[in-house]
Amino acid sequence: MFSHVMVGSNDIDRSKIFYDALFEAVGAKPGRRDPKGRLVYAHNGAAFMVSKPIDGKAATHANGGTIGFALDGPEQVEAWHKAGAANGGTAVEDPPGIRQGSSGPIYLAYLRDPDGNKLCAVHRMAG
């Protein structure tokens, strides 16, 4: 349905430390910089990008917005959360764990990246 997700950052170097740790915790490679200086992460057929806003204004997070990452199991969710919190992210919401979703149990963890973007790791568990 979509080709990629991009978030804004006020400090690309700081974001690279955070997102490299986050994605390496789930088996992805570190991000690469494209010719425009944006960070590009590719994993499991999806792309995630980090960029300074092209309008030159400060990057801000979306109030009410969340970007979700589908992971392979509770262990990956825990590793993702731990790596993010140890590399500039902030744990938010409840601690990682099982929640009841609209289609059955899910294992979730939430973080805010160093620029305040809300991220969610989710593993959909067998009903």
N, C-alpha and C. Protein backbone atom coordinates (compact mmCIF):
# COMPACT_ATOMS: atom_id res chain seq x y z
N MET A 1 0.81 -1.19 0.00
CA MET A 1 0.00 0.00 0.00
C MET A 1 0.86 1.27 0.00
N PHE A 2 2.03 1.22 0.63
CA PHE A 2 2.91 2.37 0.59
C PHE A 2 4.31 1.91 0.19
N SER A 3 5.12 2.87 -0.26
CA SER A 3 6.46 2.51 -0.71
C SER A 3 7.50 2.70 0.38
N HIS A 4 7.27 3.68 1.28
CA HIS A 4 8.25 3.96 2.33
C HIS A 4 7.61 4.83 3.41
N VAL A 5 8.32 4.96 4.51
CA VAL A 5 7.96 5.88 5.58
C VAL A 5 9.17 6.78 5.79
N MET A 6 8.92 8.08 5.96
CA MET A 6 10.02 9.00 6.22
C MET A 6 9.64 9.87 7.43
N VAL A 7 10.61 10.05 8.33
CA VAL A 7 10.44 10.97 9.45
C VAL A 7 11.48 12.07 9.34
N GLY A 8 11.17 13.19 9.94
CA GLY A 8 12.11 14.29 9.96
C GLY A 8 13.02 14.22 11.17
N SER A 9 14.20 14.80 11.03
CA SER A 9 15.14 14.86 12.15
C SER A 9 15.87 16.19 12.10
N ASN A 10 16.19 16.70 13.29
CA ASN A 10 17.00 17.91 13.40
C ASN A 10 18.48 17.60 13.51
N ASP A 11 18.83 16.31 13.64
CA ASP A 11 20.22 15.90 13.82
C ASP A 11 20.39 14.50 13.21
N ILE A 12 20.81 14.46 11.96
CA ILE A 12 20.91 13.19 11.23
C ILE A 12 21.93 12.26 11.88
N ASP A 13 23.04 12.79 12.36
CA ASP A 13 24.05 11.94 13.01
C ASP A 13 23.48 11.27 14.26
N ARG A 14 22.75 12.02 15.08
CA ARG A 14 22.11 11.46 16.27
C ARG A 14 21.08 10.40 15.87
N SER A 15 20.32 10.70 14.84
CA SER A 15 19.31 9.74 14.37
C SER A 15 19.95 8.46 13.86
N LYS A 16 21.11 8.58 13.20
CA LYS A 16 21.79 7.38 12.69
C LYS A 16 22.19 6.46 13.83
N ILE A 17 22.70 7.00 14.92
CA ILE A 17 23.06 6.18 16.08
C ILE A 17 21.83 5.43 16.58
N PHE A 18 20.72 6.15 16.76
CA PHE A 18 19.48 5.56 17.27
C PHE A 18 18.93 4.51 16.31
N TYR A 19 18.72 4.87 15.05
CA TYR A 19 18.09 3.94 14.12
C TYR A 19 18.99 2.77 13.73
N ASP A 20 20.30 2.99 13.63
CA ASP A 20 21.19 1.85 13.39
C ASP A 20 21.02 0.81 14.49
N ALA A 21 21.02 1.25 15.75
CA ALA A 21 20.86 0.31 16.87
C ALA A 21 19.50 -0.36 16.83
N LEU A 22 18.46 0.41 16.53
CA LEU A 22 17.11 -0.13 16.49
C LEU A 22 16.98 -1.22 15.44
N PHE A 23 17.45 -0.94 14.24
CA PHE A 23 17.30 -1.90 13.15
C PHE A 23 18.29 -3.07 13.26
N GLU A 24 19.50 -2.82 13.73
CA GLU A 24 20.44 -3.92 13.92
C GLU A 24 19.92 -4.91 14.96
N ALA A 25 19.14 -4.44 15.94
CA ALA A 25 18.58 -5.32 16.97
C ALA A 25 17.61 -6.34 16.39
N VAL A 26 17.08 -6.08 15.19
CA VAL A 26 16.14 -7.01 14.56
C VAL A 26 16.69 -7.60 13.27
N GLY A 27 18.02 -7.53 13.10
CA GLY A 27 18.65 -8.20 11.98
C GLY A 27 18.82 -7.39 10.72
N ALA A 28 18.55 -6.11 10.75
CA ALA A 28 18.72 -5.26 9.57
C ALA A 28 20.12 -4.65 9.56
N LYS A 29 20.51 -4.14 8.42
CA LYS A 29 21.82 -3.50 8.28
C LYS A 29 21.72 -2.04 8.70
N PRO A 30 22.86 -1.44 9.04
CA PRO A 30 22.87 -0.01 9.35
C PRO A 30 22.36 0.81 8.16
N GLY A 31 21.88 1.99 8.44
CA GLY A 31 21.39 2.86 7.37
C GLY A 31 22.53 3.38 6.52
N ARG A 32 22.18 3.76 5.31
CA ARG A 32 23.15 4.40 4.42
C ARG A 32 22.63 5.80 4.12
N ARG A 33 23.54 6.68 3.81
CA ARG A 33 23.16 8.05 3.43
C ARG A 33 23.02 8.11 1.91
N ASP A 34 21.91 8.68 1.46
CA ASP A 34 21.75 8.86 0.03
C ASP A 34 22.42 10.18 -0.38
N PRO A 35 22.46 10.49 -1.68
CA PRO A 35 23.14 11.72 -2.13
C PRO A 35 22.59 13.02 -1.51
N LYS A 36 21.36 12.98 -1.01
CA LYS A 36 20.77 14.17 -0.39
C LYS A 36 21.01 14.21 1.13
N GLY A 37 21.77 13.23 1.65
CA GLY A 37 22.08 13.21 3.08
C GLY A 37 21.04 12.53 3.94
N ARG A 38 20.02 11.95 3.33
CA ARG A 38 18.98 11.25 4.08
C ARG A 38 19.47 9.86 4.46
N LEU A 39 18.98 9.35 5.58
CA LEU A 39 19.27 7.98 5.98
C LEU A 39 18.26 7.05 5.34
N VAL A 40 18.73 5.92 4.84
CA VAL A 40 17.85 4.95 4.20
C VAL A 40 18.09 3.59 4.84
N TYR A 41 17.02 2.98 5.31
CA TYR A 41 17.05 1.64 5.89
C TYR A 41 16.13 0.77 5.04
N ALA A 42 16.61 -0.39 4.63
CA ALA A 42 15.80 -1.34 3.86
C ALA A 42 15.85 -2.68 4.57
N HIS A 43 14.67 -3.27 4.79
CA HIS A 43 14.62 -4.57 5.47
C HIS A 43 13.28 -5.23 5.16
N ASN A 44 13.33 -6.49 4.81
CA ASN A 44 12.13 -7.28 4.53
C ASN A 44 11.20 -6.60 3.52
N GLY A 45 11.78 -5.98 2.51
CA GLY A 45 10.98 -5.38 1.45
C GLY A 45 10.41 -4.02 1.76
N ALA A 46 10.73 -3.45 2.89
CA ALA A 46 10.21 -2.13 3.26
C ALA A 46 11.35 -1.14 3.37
N ALA A 47 11.03 0.14 3.21
CA ALA A 47 12.03 1.20 3.33
C ALA A 47 11.60 2.20 4.40
N PHE A 48 12.55 2.63 5.20
CA PHE A 48 12.34 3.65 6.23
C PHE A 48 13.43 4.68 6.04
N MET A 49 13.04 5.96 6.04
CA MET A 49 14.01 7.02 5.76
C MET A 49 13.92 8.12 6.82
N VAL A 50 15.06 8.78 7.03
CA VAL A 50 15.14 9.90 7.97
C VAL A 50 15.78 11.07 7.22
N SER A 51 15.16 12.25 7.32
CA SER A 51 15.63 13.39 6.56
C SER A 51 15.45 14.69 7.33
N LYS A 52 16.32 15.64 7.08
CA LYS A 52 16.04 17.00 7.54
C LYS A 52 14.89 17.51 6.68
N PRO A 53 13.96 18.28 7.25
CA PRO A 53 12.84 18.79 6.44
C PRO A 53 13.35 19.64 5.26
N ILE A 54 12.76 19.42 4.10
CA ILE A 54 13.22 20.12 2.91
C ILE A 54 12.82 21.60 2.92
N ASP A 55 11.87 21.98 3.79
CA ASP A 55 11.47 23.39 3.84
C ASP A 55 12.40 24.22 4.72
N GLY A 56 13.41 23.57 5.33
CA GLY A 56 14.37 24.28 6.16
C GLY A 56 13.91 24.57 7.57
N LYS A 57 12.66 24.24 7.88
CA LYS A 57 12.14 24.46 9.24
C LYS A 57 12.51 23.28 10.13
N ALA A 58 12.28 23.43 11.43
CA ALA A 58 12.60 22.37 12.39
C ALA A 58 11.70 21.15 12.17
N ALA A 59 12.28 19.98 12.36
CA ALA A 59 11.50 18.74 12.33
C ALA A 59 10.68 18.65 13.62
N THR A 60 9.44 18.25 13.50
CA THR A 60 8.58 18.03 14.66
C THR A 60 7.88 16.69 14.48
N HIS A 61 7.43 16.12 15.60
CA HIS A 61 6.74 14.82 15.51
C HIS A 61 5.24 15.05 15.33
N ALA A 62 4.58 14.06 14.80
CA ALA A 62 3.14 14.13 14.57
C ALA A 62 2.40 13.77 15.86
N ASN A 63 1.60 14.68 16.37
CA ASN A 63 0.80 14.38 17.55
C ASN A 63 -0.31 13.42 17.15
N GLY A 64 -0.32 12.24 17.76
CA GLY A 64 -1.30 11.21 17.41
C GLY A 64 -0.79 10.22 16.38
N GLY A 65 0.34 10.50 15.78
CA GLY A 65 0.90 9.60 14.78
C GLY A 65 1.80 8.55 15.41
N THR A 66 1.77 7.35 14.85
CA THR A 66 2.64 6.26 15.29
C THR A 66 3.09 5.48 14.06
N ILE A 67 4.36 5.12 14.02
CA ILE A 67 4.87 4.27 12.95
C ILE A 67 5.12 2.90 13.55
N GLY A 68 4.50 1.87 12.99
CA GLY A 68 4.62 0.51 13.51
C GLY A 68 5.55 -0.35 12.68
N PHE A 69 6.36 -1.14 13.37
CA PHE A 69 7.28 -2.08 12.73
C PHE A 69 6.84 -3.50 13.08
N ALA A 70 6.57 -4.32 12.08
CA ALA A 70 6.18 -5.72 12.28
C ALA A 70 7.44 -6.54 12.53
N LEU A 71 7.49 -7.22 13.68
CA LEU A 71 8.65 -8.02 14.04
C LEU A 71 8.27 -9.49 14.19
N ASP A 72 9.30 -10.36 14.21
CA ASP A 72 9.08 -11.80 14.15
C ASP A 72 8.70 -12.47 15.46
N GLY A 73 8.86 -11.81 16.58
CA GLY A 73 8.52 -12.46 17.85
C GLY A 73 8.76 -11.53 19.02
N PRO A 74 8.29 -11.93 20.20
CA PRO A 74 8.49 -11.12 21.40
C PRO A 74 9.97 -10.81 21.67
N GLU A 75 10.86 -11.75 21.35
CA GLU A 75 12.28 -11.52 21.59
C GLU A 75 12.80 -10.36 20.75
N GLN A 76 12.34 -10.28 19.49
CA GLN A 76 12.75 -9.17 18.63
C GLN A 76 12.17 -7.85 19.14
N VAL A 77 10.93 -7.88 19.60
CA VAL A 77 10.31 -6.67 20.15
C VAL A 77 11.12 -6.19 21.35
N GLU A 78 11.50 -7.10 22.23
CA GLU A 78 12.29 -6.73 23.41
C GLU A 78 13.66 -6.18 23.01
N ALA A 79 14.33 -6.81 22.04
CA ALA A 79 15.65 -6.35 21.58
C ALA A 79 15.54 -4.97 20.94
N TRP A 80 14.52 -4.75 20.15
CA TRP A 80 14.25 -3.46 19.50
C TRP A 80 14.09 -2.37 20.56
N HIS A 81 13.25 -2.64 21.55
CA HIS A 81 12.97 -1.67 22.61
C HIS A 81 14.23 -1.36 23.42
N LYS A 82 14.96 -2.39 23.78
CA LYS A 82 16.19 -2.21 24.57
C LYS A 82 17.22 -1.40 23.80
N ALA A 83 17.41 -1.73 22.52
CA ALA A 83 18.38 -1.01 21.69
C ALA A 83 17.98 0.45 21.52
N GLY A 84 16.72 0.70 21.30
CA GLY A 84 16.27 2.07 21.13
C GLY A 84 16.43 2.90 22.39
N ALA A 85 16.04 2.34 23.52
CA ALA A 85 16.14 3.06 24.80
C ALA A 85 17.60 3.32 25.17
N ALA A 86 18.50 2.44 24.77
CA ALA A 86 19.93 2.60 25.09
C ALA A 86 20.65 3.55 24.14
N ASN A 87 19.97 3.97 23.07
CA ASN A 87 20.64 4.79 22.06
C ASN A 87 19.89 6.08 21.74
N GLY A 88 19.33 6.69 22.77
CA GLY A 88 18.72 8.00 22.60
C GLY A 88 17.22 8.03 22.53
N GLY A 89 16.57 6.87 22.50
CA GLY A 89 15.12 6.83 22.49
C GLY A 89 14.55 6.91 23.89
N THR A 90 13.25 7.14 23.97
CA THR A 90 12.56 7.22 25.25
C THR A 90 11.43 6.20 25.27
N ALA A 91 11.42 5.35 26.29
CA ALA A 91 10.32 4.39 26.44
C ALA A 91 9.05 5.15 26.79
N VAL A 92 7.97 4.83 26.12
CA VAL A 92 6.67 5.46 26.39
C VAL A 92 5.61 4.38 26.47
N GLU A 93 4.44 4.78 26.96
CA GLU A 93 3.32 3.86 27.14
C GLU A 93 3.66 2.83 28.23
N ASP A 94 3.02 1.70 28.19
CA ASP A 94 3.30 0.63 29.14
C ASP A 94 4.59 -0.09 28.73
N PRO A 95 5.21 -0.84 29.64
CA PRO A 95 6.39 -1.62 29.26
C PRO A 95 6.04 -2.62 28.16
N PRO A 96 7.05 -3.11 27.42
CA PRO A 96 6.78 -4.11 26.39
C PRO A 96 6.00 -5.29 26.97
N GLY A 97 5.04 -5.79 26.20
CA GLY A 97 4.27 -6.92 26.67
C GLY A 97 3.07 -7.21 25.80
N ILE A 98 2.28 -8.16 26.26
CA ILE A 98 1.10 -8.63 25.51
C ILE A 98 -0.07 -7.68 25.76
N ARG A 99 -0.75 -7.33 24.67
CA ARG A 99 -1.98 -6.54 24.72
C ARG A 99 -3.03 -7.29 23.90
N GLN A 100 -4.26 -7.01 24.13
CA GLN A 100 -5.33 -7.60 23.34
C GLN A 100 -5.65 -6.65 22.19
N GLY A 101 -5.36 -7.06 20.97
CA GLY A 101 -5.66 -6.26 19.79
C GLY A 101 -7.02 -6.62 19.24
N SER A 102 -7.47 -5.89 18.24
CA SER A 102 -8.79 -6.14 17.65
C SER A 102 -8.85 -7.50 16.95
N SER A 103 -7.69 -8.05 16.56
CA SER A 103 -7.68 -9.35 15.89
C SER A 103 -6.96 -10.42 16.70
N GLY A 104 -6.82 -10.20 18.02
CA GLY A 104 -6.17 -11.19 18.87
C GLY A 104 -5.01 -10.60 19.64
N PRO A 105 -4.27 -11.46 20.35
CA PRO A 105 -3.17 -10.97 21.18
C PRO A 105 -1.99 -10.47 20.34
N ILE A 106 -1.38 -9.39 20.81
CA ILE A 106 -0.21 -8.81 20.16
C ILE A 106 0.82 -8.48 21.23
N TYR A 107 2.08 -8.56 20.86
CA TYR A 107 3.17 -8.20 21.75
C TYR A 107 3.71 -6.86 21.26
N LEU A 108 3.62 -5.82 22.10
CA LEU A 108 3.94 -4.45 21.70
C LEU A 108 5.03 -3.82 22.55
N ALA A 109 5.72 -2.86 21.97
CA ALA A 109 6.62 -1.98 22.70
C ALA A 109 6.60 -0.62 21.98
N TYR A 110 6.66 0.44 22.76
CA TYR A 110 6.65 1.80 22.21
C TYR A 110 7.89 2.57 22.61
N LEU A 111 8.37 3.40 21.68
CA LEU A 111 9.48 4.32 21.92
C LEU A 111 9.18 5.64 21.22
N ARG A 112 9.82 6.69 21.70
CA ARG A 112 9.92 7.92 20.92
C ARG A 112 11.38 8.03 20.50
N ASP A 113 11.60 8.37 19.23
CA ASP A 113 12.97 8.55 18.76
C ASP A 113 13.52 9.86 19.31
N PRO A 114 14.80 10.17 19.08
CA PRO A 114 15.37 11.39 19.64
C PRO A 114 14.67 12.69 19.20
N ASP A 115 13.92 12.66 18.10
CA ASP A 115 13.18 13.84 17.66
C ASP A 115 11.72 13.81 18.08
N GLY A 116 11.32 12.80 18.85
CA GLY A 116 9.95 12.73 19.36
C GLY A 116 8.97 11.93 18.54
N ASN A 117 9.40 11.33 17.43
CA ASN A 117 8.50 10.50 16.63
C ASN A 117 8.15 9.24 17.41
N LYS A 118 6.86 8.90 17.44
CA LYS A 118 6.41 7.72 18.18
C LYS A 118 6.50 6.49 17.30
N LEU A 119 7.18 5.46 17.83
CA LEU A 119 7.41 4.21 17.12
C LEU A 119 6.82 3.06 17.92
N CYS A 120 6.39 2.03 17.21
CA CYS A 120 5.83 0.85 17.86
C CYS A 120 6.39 -0.40 17.21
N ALA A 121 6.85 -1.34 18.02
CA ALA A 121 7.22 -2.66 17.52
C ALA A 121 6.06 -3.59 17.86
N VAL A 122 5.64 -4.39 16.90
CA VAL A 122 4.49 -5.27 17.13
C VAL A 122 4.76 -6.66 16.56
N HIS A 123 4.38 -7.65 17.34
CA HIS A 123 4.37 -9.03 16.87
C HIS A 123 2.97 -9.56 17.11
N ARG A 124 2.32 -9.99 16.03
CA ARG A 124 0.96 -10.55 16.14
C ARG A 124 1.09 -12.02 16.51
N MET A 125 0.54 -12.34 17.65
CA MET A 125 0.68 -13.69 18.20
C MET A 125 -0.43 -14.59 17.67
N ALA A 126 -0.20 -15.88 17.70
CA ALA A 126 -1.22 -16.83 17.29
C ALA A 126 -2.40 -16.73 18.25
N GLY A 127 -3.61 -16.74 17.68
CA GLY A 127 -4.84 -16.57 18.45
C GLY A 127 -4.99 -17.56 19.53
